[in-house]
Amino acid sequence: MIAPADRTPLSREFFDRPVLEVAPDLLPDGPIELRLTEVEAYDGPNDPGSHAYRGPTSRSSVMFGPPGHVYVYFAYGMSRQSA
C-alpha cells in the first residue's frame, strides 16, 4: 500500500487496461489507500453478467465513456434492522 506521504490520484492511464488487470491492482496490496474487500470485474459488452452487455443505457452509460470512472450499484438494496 502507498504511504500517506506518497498519495497521488490514480491516472486515467492506470484504468485504461483490461479489467482483469485493473481489478487486482485495486485490492489492498494495490496503489490505493482505502480498503476494498471485494472487486468484481466484467468484460463489458462481451460479458453476459455485465450491466453493459446489452449496450449503453442511462444507468450504464459511464461504462462506455473514458477510463477512470467507477460504476457502483446496490447489489442487494438497503436494509435496516429495528432494535
C-alpha atoms as a PDB file:
ATOM      1  CA  MET A   1       0.000   0.000   0.000  1.00  0.00           C
ATOM      2  CA  ILE A   2       1.246   3.523  -0.754  1.00  0.00           C
ATOM      3  CA  ALA A   3       2.360   5.510   2.280  1.00  0.00           C
ATOM      4  CA  PRO A   4       0.194   8.590   3.055  1.00  0.00           C
ATOM      5  CA  ALA A   5       3.014  10.948   2.063  1.00  0.00           C
ATOM      6  CA  ASP A   6       3.078   9.381  -1.407  1.00  0.00           C
ATOM      7  CA  ARG A   7      -0.631   9.756  -2.150  1.00  0.00           C
ATOM      8  CA  THR A   8      -1.363  10.772  -5.700  1.00  0.00           C
ATOM      9  CA  PRO A   9      -4.578  10.207  -7.635  1.00  0.00           C
ATOM     10  CA  LEU A  10      -4.572   7.273 -10.000  1.00  0.00           C
ATOM     11  CA  SER A  11      -4.261   8.351 -13.614  1.00  0.00           C
ATOM     12  CA  ARG A  12      -6.757   7.568 -16.340  1.00  0.00           C
ATOM     13  CA  GLU A  13      -3.978   5.518 -17.931  1.00  0.00           C
ATOM     14  CA  PHE A  14      -3.997   3.255 -14.847  1.00  0.00           C
ATOM     15  CA  PHE A  15      -7.621   2.355 -15.637  1.00  0.00           C
ATOM     16  CA  ASP A  16      -7.113   2.162 -19.421  1.00  0.00           C
ATOM     17  CA  ARG A  17      -6.269  -1.551 -19.305  1.00  0.00           C
ATOM     18  CA  PRO A  18      -8.278  -4.771 -19.396  1.00  0.00           C
ATOM     19  CA  VAL A  19     -10.472  -5.130 -16.292  1.00  0.00           C
ATOM     20  CA  LEU A  20      -8.772  -8.380 -15.306  1.00  0.00           C
ATOM     21  CA  GLU A  21      -5.512  -6.422 -14.924  1.00  0.00           C
ATOM     22  CA  VAL A  22      -7.008  -3.382 -13.158  1.00  0.00           C
ATOM     23  CA  ALA A  23      -9.159  -5.230 -10.589  1.00  0.00           C
ATOM     24  CA  PRO A  24      -6.312  -6.997  -8.725  1.00  0.00           C
ATOM     25  CA  ASP A  25      -4.368  -3.729  -8.580  1.00  0.00           C
ATOM     26  CA  LEU A  26      -7.273  -2.139  -6.682  1.00  0.00           C
ATOM     27  CA  LEU A  27      -7.155  -4.689  -3.860  1.00  0.00           C
ATOM     28  CA  PRO A  28      -5.278  -3.941  -0.585  1.00  0.00           C
ATOM     29  CA  ASP A  29      -1.785  -4.528  -1.961  1.00  0.00           C
ATOM     30  CA  GLY A  30      -2.518  -2.242  -4.903  1.00  0.00           C
ATOM     31  CA  PRO A  31      -1.902   1.507  -5.177  1.00  0.00           C
ATOM     32  CA  ILE A  32      -4.970   2.856  -3.357  1.00  0.00           C
ATOM     33  CA  GLU A  33      -5.384   3.839   0.272  1.00  0.00           C
ATOM     34  CA  LEU A  34      -8.940   2.893   1.137  1.00  0.00           C
ATOM     35  CA  ARG A  35      -9.689  -0.686   1.992  1.00  0.00           C
ATOM     36  CA  LEU A  36     -11.606  -2.654  -0.598  1.00  0.00           C
ATOM     37  CA  THR A  37     -12.678  -6.113   0.422  1.00  0.00           C
ATOM     38  CA  GLU A  38     -14.122  -7.207  -2.891  1.00  0.00           C
ATOM     39  CA  VAL A  39     -13.750  -6.210  -6.525  1.00  0.00           C
ATOM     40  CA  GLU A  40     -15.844  -7.561  -9.386  1.00  0.00           C
ATOM     41  CA  ALA A  41     -14.595  -7.251 -12.945  1.00  0.00           C
ATOM     42  CA  TYR A  42     -16.787  -7.760 -16.002  1.00  0.00           C
ATOM     43  CA  ASP A  43     -15.714  -7.626 -19.633  1.00  0.00           C
ATOM     44  CA  GLY A  44     -18.313  -5.026 -20.600  1.00  0.00           C
ATOM     45  CA  PRO A  45     -20.325  -5.675 -23.756  1.00  0.00           C
ATOM     46  CA  ASN A  46     -18.634  -9.093 -24.161  1.00  0.00           C
ATOM     47  CA  ASP A  47     -19.792 -10.407 -20.769  1.00  0.00           C
ATOM     48  CA  PRO A  48     -23.432 -11.514 -20.243  1.00  0.00           C
ATOM     49  CA  GLY A  49     -23.012 -10.862 -16.496  1.00  0.00           C
ATOM     50  CA  SER A  50     -22.214  -7.185 -17.093  1.00  0.00           C
ATOM     51  CA  HIS A  51     -24.761  -4.367 -16.963  1.00  0.00           C
ATOM     52  CA  ALA A  52     -23.044  -3.168 -20.164  1.00  0.00           C
ATOM     53  CA  TYR A  53     -23.863  -6.366 -22.065  1.00  0.00           C
ATOM     54  CA  ARG A  54     -26.943  -5.041 -23.879  1.00  0.00           C
ATOM     55  CA  GLY A  55     -25.403  -1.679 -24.737  1.00  0.00           C
ATOM     56  CA  PRO A  56     -25.496   1.735 -23.077  1.00  0.00           C
ATOM     57  CA  THR A  57     -28.467   2.845 -21.006  1.00  0.00           C
ATOM     58  CA  SER A  58     -28.901   5.922 -18.830  1.00  0.00           C
ATOM     59  CA  ARG A  59     -27.736   3.824 -15.871  1.00  0.00           C
ATOM     60  CA  SER A  60     -24.782   2.098 -17.546  1.00  0.00           C
ATOM     61  CA  SER A  61     -23.522   4.864 -19.852  1.00  0.00           C
ATOM     62  CA  VAL A  62     -20.487   5.578 -17.639  1.00  0.00           C
ATOM     63  CA  MET A  63     -19.101   2.168 -18.641  1.00  0.00           C
ATOM     64  CA  PHE A  64     -18.945   3.330 -22.257  1.00  0.00           C
ATOM     65  CA  GLY A  65     -17.091   6.571 -21.504  1.00  0.00           C
ATOM     66  CA  PRO A  66     -13.420   7.284 -20.873  1.00  0.00           C
ATOM     67  CA  PRO A  67     -11.477   5.175 -18.358  1.00  0.00           C
ATOM     68  CA  GLY A  68     -11.112   6.287 -14.756  1.00  0.00           C
ATOM     69  CA  HIS A  69     -14.789   6.287 -13.770  1.00  0.00           C
ATOM     70  CA  VAL A  70     -16.415   3.850 -11.379  1.00  0.00           C
ATOM     71  CA  TYR A  71     -19.780   2.194 -11.861  1.00  0.00           C
ATOM     72  CA  VAL A  72     -21.335   1.497  -8.455  1.00  0.00           C
ATOM     73  CA  TYR A  73     -24.681  -0.156  -7.851  1.00  0.00           C
ATOM     74  CA  PHE A  74     -26.551  -1.742  -4.960  1.00  0.00           C
ATOM     75  CA  ALA A  75     -26.409  -5.487  -5.399  1.00  0.00           C
ATOM     76  CA  TYR A  76     -28.817  -6.282  -2.593  1.00  0.00           C
ATOM     77  CA  GLY A  77     -30.546  -2.988  -1.834  1.00  0.00           C
ATOM     78  CA  MET A  78     -30.579  -1.296   1.515  1.00  0.00           C
ATOM     79  CA  SER A  79     -31.929  -2.876   4.643  1.00  0.00           C
ATOM     80  CA  ARG A  80     -32.348  -1.652   8.176  1.00  0.00           C
ATOM     81  CA  GLN A  81     -32.860  -3.638  11.320  1.00  0.00           C
ATOM     82  CA  SER A  82     -35.004  -2.322  14.146  1.00  0.00           C
ATOM     83  CA  ALA A  83     -33.842  -2.780  17.712  1.00  0.00           C
END
